[in-house]
Amino acid sequence: MHNRPKTLKDVAQAASDNNGGAGGRQLGRIAEKAGLTIAYTTIDKILAGTYTSRPGKKTLEALAQLAGLPLAVVYEAAQMELPQARLADQLPPDVDSLTPEQRRIVIDLARLFVKQNRELAKFEVAVKNTYEYDEDTQANQRLAAREQDPMIGHDQLPEDT
């Protein structure tokens, strides 16, 4: 695939193309032989454009390897952030010298950020779903607003009928 994949379906297609046009079952076997974890049903759903789940790390890693693409490209196509290094591994060497109260504050702050990120993700999905719904209904509402209802006279309000 010469172009950078834009969707997870494009990535799965690249995996298929990269493996002689293999379908889900065959790609699943190829992945298993390579020590990767991905269900053939997942591959089939992604290829068909019917996959609605959020893919896990192992699924994305398998797709990247099967497609011969960098992991960052696959995460981007899945519209997910590439995982960073473990936070525990990034803490300074003397972090264990924090007092119990300092540790509690650091942990509480981390929990707060995680909770806020989950709530933000839910909100973003809700806004996206609402926006998509509104696009469909707004055209109908505009059309209905232009059409006159013969049951309502020009000097009547709708609730007067």
Protein backbone atom coordinates (compact mmCIF):
# COMPACT_ATOMS: atom_id res chain seq x y z
CA MET A 1 0.00 0.00 0.00
CA HIS A 2 1.66 3.17 -1.18
CA ASN A 3 -0.53 5.62 0.72
CA ARG A 4 -0.55 5.94 4.45
CA PRO A 5 -3.60 4.04 5.77
CA LYS A 6 -6.33 6.36 7.03
CA THR A 7 -8.54 3.79 8.75
CA LEU A 8 -8.20 0.51 10.58
CA LYS A 9 -9.87 -1.11 7.57
CA ASP A 10 -7.03 0.25 5.38
CA VAL A 11 -4.52 -1.29 7.80
CA ALA A 12 -6.27 -4.68 7.69
CA GLN A 13 -6.35 -4.48 3.90
CA ALA A 14 -2.62 -3.73 3.91
CA ALA A 15 -2.11 -6.79 6.14
CA SER A 16 -4.08 -8.89 3.67
CA ASP A 17 -2.20 -7.44 0.67
CA ASN A 18 1.13 -7.94 2.46
CA ASN A 19 0.28 -11.62 2.92
CA GLY A 20 -0.83 -12.54 -0.58
CA GLY A 21 -4.45 -11.44 -0.20
CA ALA A 22 -5.02 -13.65 2.85
CA GLY A 23 -8.40 -13.39 4.56
CA GLY A 24 -9.20 -13.38 8.25
CA ARG A 25 -8.66 -17.08 9.01
CA GLN A 26 -5.41 -17.26 7.11
CA LEU A 27 -4.13 -13.99 8.62
CA GLY A 28 -5.08 -15.33 12.06
CA ARG A 29 -2.95 -18.44 11.43
CA ILE A 30 -0.05 -16.33 10.13
CA ALA A 31 -0.28 -14.13 13.22
CA GLU A 32 -0.38 -17.14 15.54
CA LYS A 33 2.73 -18.65 13.92
CA ALA A 34 4.50 -15.31 14.45
CA GLY A 35 3.54 -15.33 18.14
CA LEU A 36 0.97 -12.54 17.69
CA THR A 37 -2.50 -12.37 19.20
CA ILE A 38 -5.46 -11.50 16.98
CA ALA A 39 -8.70 -13.35 16.32
CA TYR A 40 -9.59 -14.06 12.71
CA THR A 41 -13.13 -12.82 13.43
CA THR A 42 -11.65 -9.46 14.42
CA ILE A 43 -9.73 -9.28 11.15
CA ASP A 44 -12.84 -10.25 9.18
CA LYS A 45 -14.93 -7.56 10.89
CA ILE A 46 -12.27 -4.90 10.34
CA LEU A 47 -11.95 -5.86 6.66
CA ALA A 48 -15.75 -5.76 6.27
CA GLY A 49 -15.97 -2.38 7.99
CA THR A 50 -18.24 -3.78 10.72
CA TYR A 51 -15.78 -3.71 13.61
CA THR A 52 -17.23 -1.50 16.36
CA SER A 53 -15.00 -2.38 19.31
CA ARG A 54 -12.00 -0.48 20.52
CA PRO A 55 -8.97 -2.56 19.48
CA GLY A 56 -6.53 -3.63 22.14
CA LYS A 57 -2.79 -3.22 22.14
CA LYS A 58 -2.15 -6.83 21.00
CA THR A 59 -4.60 -6.46 18.10
CA LEU A 60 -2.92 -3.27 16.89
CA GLU A 61 0.56 -4.77 17.28
CA ALA A 62 -0.49 -7.83 15.26
CA LEU A 63 -2.03 -5.68 12.51
CA ALA A 64 1.09 -3.52 12.35
CA GLN A 65 3.36 -6.52 11.96
CA LEU A 66 1.06 -8.27 9.46
CA ALA A 67 0.76 -5.07 7.40
CA GLY A 68 4.46 -4.23 7.67
CA LEU A 69 3.59 -0.80 9.07
CA PRO A 70 5.04 1.18 11.96
CA LEU A 71 2.96 0.84 15.12
CA ALA A 72 2.48 4.63 15.26
CA VAL A 73 0.77 4.55 11.84
CA VAL A 74 -1.60 1.79 12.97
CA TYR A 75 -2.53 3.63 16.17
CA GLU A 76 -3.18 6.78 14.14
CA ALA A 77 -5.43 4.85 11.73
CA ALA A 78 -7.32 3.45 14.74
CA GLN A 79 -7.67 7.03 16.06
CA MET A 80 -5.92 6.06 19.26
CA GLU A 81 -2.93 7.49 21.06
CA LEU A 82 0.26 5.48 20.90
CA PRO A 83 0.94 4.20 24.43
CA GLN A 84 3.73 5.96 26.20
CA ALA A 85 6.35 4.37 28.40
CA ARG A 86 5.03 3.16 31.74
CA LEU A 87 4.67 6.09 34.10
CA ALA A 88 6.37 4.13 36.89
CA ASP A 89 9.42 3.77 34.63
CA GLN A 90 9.54 7.55 34.08
CA LEU A 91 9.52 8.57 37.72
CA PRO A 92 12.77 9.96 39.14
CA PRO A 93 15.07 7.53 40.96
CA ASP A 94 14.41 9.04 44.40
CA VAL A 95 10.62 8.86 44.13
CA ASP A 96 10.58 6.15 46.82
CA SER A 97 11.82 8.72 49.32
CA LEU A 98 8.51 10.65 49.21
CA THR A 99 6.66 10.90 52.49
CA PRO A 100 3.39 8.97 52.88
CA GLU A 101 1.42 12.21 52.44
CA GLN A 102 3.36 13.16 49.28
CA ARG A 103 2.76 9.67 47.87
CA ARG A 104 -0.97 9.97 48.60
CA ILE A 105 -1.12 13.32 46.81
CA VAL A 106 0.73 11.96 43.74
CA ILE A 107 -1.54 8.89 43.60
CA ASP A 108 -4.72 10.93 44.15
CA LEU A 109 -3.70 13.35 41.41
CA ALA A 110 -3.01 10.48 39.00
CA ARG A 111 -6.42 8.95 39.81
CA LEU A 112 -8.08 12.32 39.20
CA PHE A 113 -6.42 12.71 35.79
CA VAL A 114 -7.37 9.15 34.78
CA LYS A 115 -10.99 9.75 35.85
CA GLN A 116 -11.14 13.06 33.97
CA ASN A 117 -9.69 11.47 30.82
CA ARG A 118 -12.33 8.69 30.93
CA GLU A 119 -15.13 11.23 31.39
CA LEU A 120 -13.73 13.39 28.58
CA ALA A 121 -13.58 10.37 26.26
CA LYS A 122 -17.23 9.53 27.05
CA PHE A 123 -18.22 13.16 26.46
CA GLU A 124 -16.37 13.25 23.13
CA VAL A 125 -18.19 10.11 21.97
CA ALA A 126 -21.55 11.55 23.08
CA VAL A 127 -20.87 14.85 21.28
CA LYS A 128 -19.79 13.00 18.14
CA ASN A 129 -22.91 10.81 18.21
CA THR A 130 -25.14 13.84 18.83
CA TYR A 131 -23.47 15.79 16.05
CA GLU A 132 -23.93 12.92 13.59
CA TYR A 133 -27.57 12.58 14.65
CA ASP A 134 -28.11 16.31 14.31
CA GLU A 135 -26.70 16.36 10.79
CA ASP A 136 -29.28 13.78 9.73
CA THR A 137 -32.22 15.42 11.46
CA GLN A 138 -31.35 19.06 10.77
CA ALA A 139 -32.00 18.66 7.04
CA ASN A 140 -35.40 17.11 7.78
CA GLN A 141 -36.21 19.86 10.27
CA ARG A 142 -35.29 22.57 7.76
CA LEU A 143 -37.42 20.88 5.11
CA ALA A 144 -40.38 20.56 7.51
CA ALA A 145 -40.05 24.22 8.49
CA ARG A 146 -40.43 25.27 4.84
CA GLU A 147 -43.52 23.15 4.16
CA GLN A 148 -46.86 24.61 5.13
CA ASP A 149 -49.30 22.48 7.05
CA PRO A 150 -52.72 22.86 5.41
CA MET A 151 -54.39 22.28 8.80
CA ILE A 152 -52.83 25.45 10.24
CA GLY A 153 -54.13 28.79 9.03
CA HIS A 154 -51.75 31.66 8.37
CA ASP A 155 -53.01 33.49 11.47
CA GLN A 156 -52.95 30.46 13.81
CA LEU A 157 -50.21 29.05 15.99
CA PRO A 158 -49.75 25.26 15.73
CA GLU A 159 -51.10 24.73 19.25
CA ASP A 160 -54.34 26.61 18.30
CA THR A 161 -55.40 23.81 15.92
